[in-house]
Amino acid sequence: MPEGDSVWRAAARLHAALAGREITRSDLRVPRLATVDLTGRTTLNVVPRGKHLLTRIDGDGGLTLHSHLRMDGAWHVFPAGRKWHGGPLHEIRAILGTAGDTAVGYRLPVLELLRTADEDTVVGHLGPDLLGPDWDPAKAARNLLGDPERPLGEALLDQRNLAGIGNVFMCELCFLAQVTPWTPVGALPDPEVTAVRLAGAAQRLLAANLGTGETRNTTGSRRRGQSLFVYGRAPRGCLRCGTPVRRHVKDDRPTYWCPRCQSGPTP
């Protein structure tokens, strides 16, 4: 499940493979881009913005290939001659190749080409990026407090408040705050202080997971099966108190919480 940390790692892999190199193969397999040919151009850089990927390319005043992974999209990089893997061929949406490497995008639900000067049309609505140069914990906290009646889990997942949190980190942050994800933001203990602490904790957790691969860790424990406090643990015991963790699914999104450690409303 791509979140800010995994998108950051994907951007780093793409940047290492493409930046400063001429594009020798270009194949964008979505109807509106089917006739676009980027061969001969040079990739300038690849940067993450929240859960979005921006691949910037020279020419025509600057172009940006914008992609979003959502639930199961992925970019893979393969050295020349290496067999591709990541899904069946019909799931490939983009191919960008250089003399040495090929970047292949699988199951990309969003893929569009725009002028670099127009990037704000696709990412300008985002709040402070937890892993970006625009990170501002005070602004993120103010955004979270903007709607006191809104459930905390929804507020954390809203990329307009702060960009980069997905379902895993949302559940873990609510656990660390000792409230359920359905607790209204205005009902948090000392909301202003708690919002600032949550914003800071979110940034630290994502930053700490940049080099950990796809196995996230929020507990600090390196023991097998103890990397997360509640996410994915139902019906096993909470790592803190041993109470069976509960799970609720809505719109294919599972939410986990400990009924003893976390106070507040539940479904």
Protein backbone atom coordinates (compact mmCIF):
# COMPACT_ATOMS: atom_id res chain seq x y z
CA MET A 1 0.00 0.00 0.00
CA PRO A 2 1.98 3.03 -1.21
CA GLU A 3 2.29 5.84 1.36
CA GLY A 4 4.61 8.80 1.54
CA ASP A 5 7.67 6.75 2.48
CA SER A 6 7.27 4.20 -0.32
CA VAL A 7 6.56 6.95 -2.88
CA TRP A 8 9.75 8.72 -1.73
CA ARG A 9 11.73 5.52 -2.28
CA ALA A 10 10.15 5.02 -5.71
CA ALA A 11 11.15 8.55 -6.68
CA ALA A 12 14.72 7.91 -5.51
CA ARG A 13 14.95 4.74 -7.63
CA LEU A 14 13.55 6.47 -10.71
CA HIS A 15 15.79 9.48 -10.24
CA ALA A 16 18.90 7.28 -9.96
CA ALA A 17 17.96 5.42 -13.14
CA LEU A 18 16.71 8.27 -15.32
CA ALA A 19 18.02 11.68 -14.22
CA GLY A 20 20.55 13.23 -16.59
CA ARG A 21 20.10 10.48 -19.16
CA GLU A 22 18.59 10.51 -22.62
CA ILE A 23 15.31 8.66 -23.06
CA THR A 24 15.85 5.95 -25.69
CA ARG A 25 12.48 4.22 -25.30
CA SER A 26 9.13 5.85 -24.62
CA ASP A 27 5.80 4.03 -24.43
CA LEU A 28 2.88 5.60 -22.54
CA ARG A 29 -0.01 3.17 -22.65
CA VAL A 30 -3.01 5.34 -21.84
CA PRO A 31 -5.32 6.61 -24.60
CA ARG A 32 -4.59 10.31 -24.29
CA LEU A 33 -0.81 9.76 -24.38
CA ALA A 34 -0.70 6.94 -26.93
CA THR A 35 0.93 9.12 -29.60
CA VAL A 36 3.40 10.89 -27.29
CA ASP A 37 7.06 10.15 -28.02
CA LEU A 38 9.63 11.32 -25.47
CA THR A 39 12.65 9.67 -27.06
CA GLY A 40 15.63 11.94 -27.49
CA ARG A 41 14.68 14.06 -24.50
CA THR A 42 16.52 14.06 -21.17
CA THR A 43 15.01 13.39 -17.79
CA LEU A 44 15.94 16.24 -15.46
CA ASN A 45 14.81 14.79 -12.14
CA VAL A 46 12.14 12.74 -10.40
CA VAL A 47 10.61 14.17 -7.23
CA PRO A 48 7.87 12.99 -4.87
CA ARG A 49 5.09 15.26 -3.69
CA GLY A 50 3.01 13.54 -1.04
CA LYS A 51 1.81 10.41 -2.83
CA HIS A 52 2.44 11.87 -6.30
CA LEU A 53 5.46 11.31 -8.54
CA LEU A 54 6.71 14.08 -10.83
CA THR A 55 9.14 13.05 -13.58
CA ARG A 56 10.50 16.23 -15.14
CA ILE A 57 11.73 16.14 -18.72
CA ASP A 58 13.44 18.78 -20.86
CA GLY A 59 12.07 20.41 -24.00
CA ASP A 60 8.99 22.50 -24.86
CA GLY A 61 9.63 24.72 -21.86
CA GLY A 62 9.75 21.72 -19.52
CA LEU A 63 7.42 18.72 -19.31
CA THR A 64 6.31 16.68 -16.30
CA LEU A 65 5.03 13.12 -16.39
CA HIS A 66 2.71 12.97 -13.40
CA SER A 67 1.81 9.60 -11.89
CA HIS A 68 -0.01 8.45 -8.78
CA LEU A 69 0.22 4.92 -7.38
CA ARG A 70 -2.97 4.90 -5.26
CA MET A 71 -3.58 1.41 -3.86
CA ASP A 72 -1.56 -0.97 -6.04
CA GLY A 73 0.36 0.98 -8.68
CA ALA A 74 4.13 0.52 -8.84
CA TRP A 75 7.23 1.65 -10.72
CA HIS A 76 10.03 -0.88 -11.20
CA VAL A 77 13.52 -0.26 -12.60
CA PHE A 78 15.30 -2.98 -14.56
CA PRO A 79 18.91 -2.98 -15.82
CA ALA A 80 19.35 -3.59 -19.55
CA GLY A 81 18.82 -7.24 -20.37
CA ARG A 82 16.99 -8.05 -17.12
CA LYS A 83 13.60 -9.74 -17.43
CA TRP A 84 10.75 -7.52 -16.28
CA HIS A 85 8.51 -8.53 -13.41
CA GLY A 86 5.75 -6.74 -11.55
CA GLY A 87 2.65 -8.01 -13.28
CA PRO A 88 1.32 -9.19 -16.64
CA LEU A 89 2.14 -7.15 -19.73
CA HIS A 90 -1.40 -5.79 -20.04
CA GLU A 91 -0.96 -4.00 -16.68
CA ILE A 92 1.97 -1.92 -17.94
CA ARG A 93 1.01 1.74 -18.33
CA ALA A 94 4.38 3.41 -18.93
CA ILE A 95 7.87 2.55 -20.16
CA LEU A 96 10.79 4.98 -20.01
CA GLY A 97 14.10 3.49 -21.09
CA THR A 98 17.69 4.70 -21.21
CA ALA A 99 20.84 3.00 -22.48
CA GLY A 100 21.34 1.40 -19.08
CA ASP A 101 17.97 1.02 -17.35
CA THR A 102 14.27 0.80 -18.05
CA ALA A 103 11.56 2.17 -15.75
CA VAL A 104 8.25 0.32 -16.05
CA GLY A 105 5.03 1.56 -14.45
CA TYR A 106 2.44 -1.08 -13.60
CA ARG A 107 -1.26 -0.48 -12.84
CA LEU A 108 -0.84 3.31 -12.70
CA PRO A 109 -4.34 4.75 -12.19
CA VAL A 110 -3.10 8.29 -12.91
CA LEU A 111 -0.69 9.06 -15.72
CA GLU A 112 -0.65 12.43 -17.47
CA LEU A 113 1.79 14.72 -19.21
CA LEU A 114 1.72 18.45 -18.49
CA ARG A 115 3.93 21.48 -18.61
CA THR A 116 6.22 21.67 -15.60
CA ALA A 117 4.98 25.22 -15.05
CA ASP A 118 1.49 23.75 -14.53
CA GLU A 119 2.39 21.21 -11.81
CA ASP A 120 0.30 23.13 -9.28
CA THR A 121 -2.82 22.04 -11.15
CA VAL A 122 -2.22 18.47 -9.93
CA VAL A 123 -0.37 18.95 -6.61
CA GLY A 124 -1.10 22.53 -5.60
CA HIS A 125 -3.99 21.43 -3.39
CA LEU A 126 -1.75 19.34 -1.14
CA GLY A 127 -0.89 20.30 2.41
CA PRO A 128 2.69 20.38 3.76
CA ASP A 129 4.66 17.36 2.53
CA LEU A 130 5.87 15.25 5.45
CA LEU A 131 9.02 14.35 3.52
CA GLY A 132 9.38 17.49 1.43
CA PRO A 133 11.16 20.82 1.70
CA ASP A 134 7.84 22.56 2.38
CA TRP A 135 7.18 20.62 5.60
CA ASP A 136 5.60 22.93 8.18
CA PRO A 137 4.33 21.18 11.35
CA ALA A 138 2.52 24.27 12.60
CA LYS A 139 0.59 24.62 9.35
CA ALA A 140 -0.18 20.90 9.29
CA ALA A 141 -1.53 21.12 12.85
CA ARG A 142 -3.72 24.11 11.92
CA ASN A 143 -5.06 22.18 8.95
CA LEU A 144 -5.94 19.20 11.15
CA LEU A 145 -7.84 21.50 13.50
CA GLY A 146 -9.73 23.18 10.67
CA ASP A 147 -12.82 20.99 11.09
CA PRO A 148 -13.27 20.10 14.80
CA GLU A 149 -16.15 17.70 14.04
CA ARG A 150 -14.16 15.61 11.61
CA PRO A 151 -12.91 12.17 12.74
CA LEU A 152 -9.17 12.19 13.36
CA GLY A 153 -8.53 9.30 10.97
CA GLU A 154 -10.20 11.13 8.09
CA ALA A 155 -8.32 14.34 8.89
CA LEU A 156 -4.97 12.51 8.87
CA LEU A 157 -5.73 10.82 5.54
CA ASP A 158 -6.82 14.05 3.87
CA GLN A 159 -3.82 15.03 1.74
CA ARG A 160 -4.97 18.65 1.79
CA ASN A 161 -4.10 18.76 5.49
CA LEU A 162 -0.70 17.09 5.30
CA ALA A 163 0.64 15.04 2.44
CA GLY A 164 2.00 11.53 2.75
CA ILE A 165 -0.06 9.67 5.36
CA GLY A 166 -1.84 6.48 4.31
CA ASN A 167 -3.85 3.89 6.16
CA VAL A 168 -0.94 2.22 7.95
CA PHE A 169 0.46 5.38 9.47
CA MET A 170 -3.02 6.72 10.21
CA CYS A 171 -3.84 3.70 12.38
CA GLU A 172 -0.47 3.80 14.11
CA LEU A 173 -0.69 7.55 14.82
CA CYS A 174 -4.14 7.19 16.34
CA PHE A 175 -2.78 4.43 18.55
CA LEU A 176 0.11 6.63 19.67
CA ALA A 177 -2.39 9.41 20.43
CA GLN A 178 -4.42 6.86 22.48
CA VAL A 179 -7.67 7.67 20.69
CA THR A 180 -9.73 5.80 18.09
CA PRO A 181 -9.67 7.01 14.48
CA TRP A 182 -13.33 8.05 14.82
CA THR A 183 -12.64 10.55 17.59
CA PRO A 184 -13.57 14.08 16.46
CA VAL A 185 -10.51 16.29 16.18
CA GLY A 186 -12.10 18.81 18.53
CA ALA A 187 -12.56 16.10 21.17
CA LEU A 188 -8.84 15.31 21.40
CA PRO A 189 -7.23 15.99 24.77
CA ASP A 190 -5.90 19.56 24.47
CA PRO A 191 -6.50 19.61 20.68
CA GLU A 192 -3.93 22.28 19.79
CA VAL A 193 -1.10 20.53 21.62
CA THR A 194 -2.13 17.07 20.40
CA ALA A 195 -2.34 18.21 16.76
CA VAL A 196 1.20 19.60 16.90
CA ARG A 197 2.47 16.39 18.50
CA LEU A 198 0.69 14.25 15.88
CA ALA A 199 2.17 16.28 13.03
CA GLY A 200 5.65 15.90 14.50
CA ALA A 201 5.18 12.18 15.13
CA ALA A 202 3.92 11.64 11.59
CA GLN A 203 6.99 13.28 10.11
CA ARG A 204 9.36 11.32 12.34
CA LEU A 205 7.70 7.99 11.55
CA LEU A 206 7.79 8.49 7.79
CA ALA A 207 11.36 9.76 7.86
CA ALA A 208 12.46 6.81 9.99
CA ASN A 209 11.03 4.41 7.43
CA LEU A 210 12.75 5.78 4.34
CA GLY A 211 15.50 3.19 4.41
CA THR A 212 13.53 0.20 5.67
CA GLY A 213 12.14 -1.13 2.41
CA GLU A 214 8.48 -2.13 2.32
CA THR A 215 8.46 -3.49 5.88
CA ARG A 216 7.36 -0.51 7.95
CA ASN A 217 8.26 -0.15 11.59
CA THR A 218 6.62 2.18 14.10
CA THR A 219 7.45 0.32 17.32
CA GLY A 220 11.24 0.30 17.22
CA SER A 221 11.20 -3.46 17.78
CA ARG A 222 13.11 -5.69 15.40
CA ARG A 223 11.35 -8.85 16.54
CA ARG A 224 9.39 -10.71 13.91
CA GLY A 225 5.74 -9.70 13.89
CA GLN A 226 6.25 -6.72 16.20
CA SER A 227 6.98 -3.91 13.74
CA LEU A 228 3.54 -2.28 14.06
CA PHE A 229 1.41 -1.60 17.14
CA VAL A 230 -2.04 -2.36 15.70
CA TYR A 231 -2.11 -2.27 11.90
CA GLY A 232 -2.65 -5.76 10.49
CA ARG A 233 -2.63 -7.36 13.95
CA ALA A 234 -6.32 -8.28 14.37
CA PRO A 235 -7.24 -10.50 16.12
CA ARG A 236 -3.82 -10.82 17.72
CA GLY A 237 -3.00 -8.92 20.87
CA CYS A 238 -2.03 -5.29 21.10
CA LEU A 239 1.72 -5.00 21.60
CA ARG A 240 1.21 -2.69 24.56
CA CYS A 241 -1.55 -4.38 26.59
CA GLY A 242 -2.27 -7.73 24.94
CA THR A 243 -5.95 -6.98 24.24
CA PRO A 244 -7.11 -8.43 20.87
CA VAL A 245 -6.84 -5.75 18.20
CA ARG A 246 -10.07 -4.95 16.38
CA ARG A 247 -10.60 -4.38 12.66
CA HIS A 248 -13.26 -2.51 10.69
CA VAL A 249 -13.47 -2.35 6.90
CA LYS A 250 -15.17 0.41 4.93
CA ASP A 251 -14.77 0.94 1.18
CA ASP A 252 -12.06 -1.76 1.12
CA ARG A 253 -10.02 0.26 3.64
CA PRO A 254 -9.26 -1.64 6.88
CA THR A 255 -8.88 0.27 10.13
CA TYR A 256 -7.25 -1.25 13.22
CA TRP A 257 -7.37 -0.15 16.85
CA CYS A 258 -6.94 -1.42 20.39
CA PRO A 259 -10.19 -1.18 22.39
CA ARG A 260 -8.28 -0.84 25.65
CA CYS A 261 -5.43 1.53 24.77
CA GLN A 262 -7.54 3.84 22.57
CA SER A 263 -10.54 5.72 23.90
CA GLY A 264 -13.30 7.26 21.83
CA PRO A 265 -16.12 6.25 19.47
CA THR A 266 -16.00 3.12 17.31
CA PRO A 267 -18.19 1.86 14.43
